Amino acid sequence: MLHRSEINKIMNLSDIIKKNFKLSADTEINDEHGPGDLDGWDSLGHVILINAIQKEYSILIDMDEMIEIESILDIRKLLETKGVSAF
């Protein structure tokens, strides 16, 4: 479980997505977005995004979990199941 001081150090999920796909800061990120909806979110971008999420939140996402992700909402739900509460 993360301490309150650690929460401030962690990027939020939208920022991770914008950084990894090199999107502008004002790009709106919605829970319904998925692969193909945002520039850069193709098959390779998906793998890179999952890797960044694993590093940022210090979690492991297995291949089956990665394949099941079809939207940002799916990522949020997965983070919750992994015990991540600050995203």
Protein backbone atom coordinates (compact mmCIF):
# COMPACT_ATOMS: atom_id res chain seq x y z
CA MET A 1 0.00 0.00 0.00
CA LEU A 2 1.31 3.46 -0.87
CA HIS A 3 1.93 6.08 1.77
CA ARG A 4 0.38 9.50 1.27
CA SER A 5 3.84 11.00 0.50
CA GLU A 6 4.37 8.44 -2.25
CA ILE A 7 1.06 9.22 -3.94
CA ASN A 8 2.22 12.70 -4.91
CA LYS A 9 5.25 11.22 -6.67
CA ILE A 10 3.20 8.95 -8.90
CA MET A 11 1.98 10.17 -12.28
CA ASN A 12 -1.72 9.81 -12.82
CA LEU A 13 -2.88 7.42 -15.51
CA SER A 14 -3.87 10.17 -17.95
CA ASP A 15 -0.39 11.70 -17.69
CA ILE A 16 1.24 8.32 -18.33
CA ILE A 17 -0.92 7.86 -21.42
CA LYS A 18 -0.17 11.36 -22.73
CA LYS A 19 3.56 10.96 -22.11
CA ASN A 20 3.83 7.53 -23.73
CA PHE A 21 1.81 8.46 -26.80
CA LYS A 22 3.38 11.94 -26.98
CA LEU A 23 -0.03 13.60 -26.80
CA SER A 24 -0.47 17.28 -25.99
CA ALA A 25 -1.25 18.21 -22.40
CA ASP A 26 -4.73 19.38 -23.38
CA THR A 27 -5.68 16.06 -25.00
CA GLU A 28 -8.82 14.75 -23.34
CA ILE A 29 -8.49 11.19 -22.07
CA ASN A 30 -11.76 9.30 -21.54
CA ASP A 31 -12.38 5.92 -19.95
CA GLU A 32 -13.92 4.77 -23.24
CA HIS A 33 -10.71 5.37 -25.22
CA GLY A 34 -8.90 2.26 -26.33
CA PRO A 35 -6.40 1.07 -28.90
CA GLY A 36 -6.92 2.99 -32.13
CA ASP A 37 -8.69 5.91 -30.43
CA LEU A 38 -5.55 7.83 -29.48
CA ASP A 39 -2.58 8.55 -31.73
CA GLY A 40 0.11 6.00 -30.98
CA TRP A 41 -2.13 3.43 -29.32
CA ASP A 42 -1.49 0.58 -31.70
CA SER A 43 -0.20 -2.90 -30.84
CA LEU A 44 3.33 -1.70 -30.09
CA GLY A 45 2.03 1.36 -28.25
CA HIS A 46 -0.14 -0.95 -26.14
CA VAL A 47 2.89 -2.95 -24.99
CA ILE A 48 4.86 0.22 -24.28
CA LEU A 49 1.95 1.70 -22.30
CA ILE A 50 1.55 -1.45 -20.19
CA ASN A 51 5.28 -1.46 -19.49
CA ALA A 52 5.14 2.18 -18.36
CA ILE A 53 2.15 1.45 -16.12
CA GLN A 54 3.96 -1.51 -14.55
CA LYS A 55 7.00 0.64 -13.81
CA GLU A 56 5.05 3.63 -12.51
CA TYR A 57 2.84 1.65 -10.15
CA SER A 58 5.34 -1.14 -9.32
CA ILE A 59 3.01 -3.92 -10.42
CA LEU A 60 3.15 -6.87 -12.78
CA ILE A 61 0.61 -7.32 -15.55
CA ASP A 62 0.62 -10.73 -17.17
CA MET A 63 0.07 -11.39 -20.85
CA ASP A 64 -3.56 -12.48 -20.43
CA GLU A 65 -4.37 -9.30 -18.50
CA MET A 66 -2.63 -7.18 -21.11
CA ILE A 67 -4.59 -8.79 -23.94
CA GLU A 68 -7.91 -8.22 -22.14
CA ILE A 69 -7.37 -4.44 -21.96
CA GLU A 70 -9.62 -2.76 -24.50
CA SER A 71 -10.11 0.63 -22.85
CA ILE A 72 -8.76 2.99 -20.24
CA LEU A 73 -11.59 1.85 -17.99
CA ASP A 74 -10.20 -1.69 -18.25
CA ILE A 75 -6.81 -0.35 -17.12
CA ARG A 76 -8.41 1.43 -14.16
CA LYS A 77 -10.25 -1.74 -13.13
CA LEU A 78 -7.05 -3.77 -13.43
CA LEU A 79 -5.14 -1.26 -11.31
CA GLU A 80 -7.81 -1.56 -8.63
CA THR A 81 -7.50 -5.36 -8.63
CA LYS A 82 -3.73 -4.94 -8.24
CA GLY A 83 -4.25 -2.78 -5.15
CA VAL A 84 -3.38 0.53 -6.77
CA SER A 85 -5.64 3.22 -5.37
CA ALA A 86 -3.92 6.37 -6.60
CA PHE A 87 -4.22 6.64 -10.35
